[in-house]
Amino acid sequence: MTEKTCAACDCALDASAITIRIGGKAVEVCCDECAQKLKEAHAATKAKG
């Protein structure tokens, strides 16, 4: 079985993983801090393009 990892920091995900939507896709992160980082990065790239 493949181990799931955080979309932001590559840490292993456990039962407390958080699912967020970025660009219409669901991604899993390990904590609120990583969720915020991904949201900010997505907003920054969207604003440039």
C-alpha atoms as a PDB file:
ATOM      1  CA  MET A   1       0.000   0.000   0.000  1.00  0.00           C
ATOM      2  CA  THR A   2       1.284   3.448  -0.912  1.00  0.00           C
ATOM      3  CA  GLU A   3       1.869   5.865   1.955  1.00  0.00           C
ATOM      4  CA  LYS A   4       0.123   9.213   1.532  1.00  0.00           C
ATOM      5  CA  THR A   5       2.145  12.355   2.103  1.00  0.00           C
ATOM      6  CA  CYS A   6       1.358  16.019   2.672  1.00  0.00           C
ATOM      7  CA  ALA A   7       1.020  18.022  -0.535  1.00  0.00           C
ATOM      8  CA  ALA A   8       3.015  20.880   1.001  1.00  0.00           C
ATOM      9  CA  CYS A   9       5.835  19.330   3.036  1.00  0.00           C
ATOM     10  CA  ASP A  10       5.902  15.602   2.130  1.00  0.00           C
ATOM     11  CA  CYS A  11       5.376  14.476   5.738  1.00  0.00           C
ATOM     12  CA  ALA A  12       3.475  11.220   6.175  1.00  0.00           C
ATOM     13  CA  LEU A  13      -0.265  11.724   6.603  1.00  0.00           C
ATOM     14  CA  ASP A  14      -2.186  10.105   9.438  1.00  0.00           C
ATOM     15  CA  ALA A  15      -5.836  10.087  10.510  1.00  0.00           C
ATOM     16  CA  SER A  16      -5.702  13.830  11.281  1.00  0.00           C
ATOM     17  CA  ALA A  17      -5.009  14.823   7.648  1.00  0.00           C
ATOM     18  CA  ILE A  18      -6.892  17.858   6.326  1.00  0.00           C
ATOM     19  CA  THR A  19      -8.435  17.872   2.844  1.00  0.00           C
ATOM     20  CA  ILE A  20      -8.529  21.222   1.038  1.00  0.00           C
ATOM     21  CA  ARG A  21      -9.419  22.232  -2.514  1.00  0.00           C
ATOM     22  CA  ILE A  22      -6.753  23.923  -4.627  1.00  0.00           C
ATOM     23  CA  GLY A  23      -7.530  24.757  -8.234  1.00  0.00           C
ATOM     24  CA  GLY A  24     -10.627  22.558  -8.148  1.00  0.00           C
ATOM     25  CA  LYS A  25      -8.708  19.502  -6.918  1.00  0.00           C
ATOM     26  CA  ALA A  26      -8.807  17.957  -3.456  1.00  0.00           C
ATOM     27  CA  VAL A  27      -5.401  17.666  -1.805  1.00  0.00           C
ATOM     28  CA  GLU A  28      -4.455  16.418   1.635  1.00  0.00           C
ATOM     29  CA  VAL A  29      -2.154  18.243   4.033  1.00  0.00           C
ATOM     30  CA  CYS A  30      -0.871  17.422   7.499  1.00  0.00           C
ATOM     31  CA  CYS A  31      -1.805  20.643   9.332  1.00  0.00           C
ATOM     32  CA  ASP A  32      -3.446  24.060   9.104  1.00  0.00           C
ATOM     33  CA  GLU A  33      -0.065  25.701   8.481  1.00  0.00           C
ATOM     34  CA  CYS A  34       0.542  23.614   5.358  1.00  0.00           C
ATOM     35  CA  ALA A  35      -3.026  24.272   4.199  1.00  0.00           C
ATOM     36  CA  GLN A  36      -2.438  28.010   4.492  1.00  0.00           C
ATOM     37  CA  LYS A  37       0.906  27.784   2.652  1.00  0.00           C
ATOM     38  CA  LEU A  38      -0.692  25.962  -0.284  1.00  0.00           C
ATOM     39  CA  LYS A  39      -3.588  28.413  -0.463  1.00  0.00           C
ATOM     40  CA  GLU A  40      -1.172  31.368  -0.474  1.00  0.00           C
ATOM     41  CA  ALA A  41       1.051  29.779  -3.118  1.00  0.00           C
ATOM     42  CA  HIS A  42      -1.953  29.042  -5.326  1.00  0.00           C
ATOM     43  CA  ALA A  43      -3.249  32.607  -4.957  1.00  0.00           C
ATOM     44  CA  ALA A  44       0.190  34.009  -5.826  1.00  0.00           C
ATOM     45  CA  THR A  45       0.508  31.946  -8.998  1.00  0.00           C
ATOM     46  CA  LYS A  46      -3.061  32.692 -10.022  1.00  0.00           C
ATOM     47  CA  ALA A  47      -2.451  36.437  -9.624  1.00  0.00           C
ATOM     48  CA  LYS A  48       0.640  36.288 -11.889  1.00  0.00           C
ATOM     49  CA  GLY A  49      -1.003  34.428 -14.714  1.00  0.00           C
END
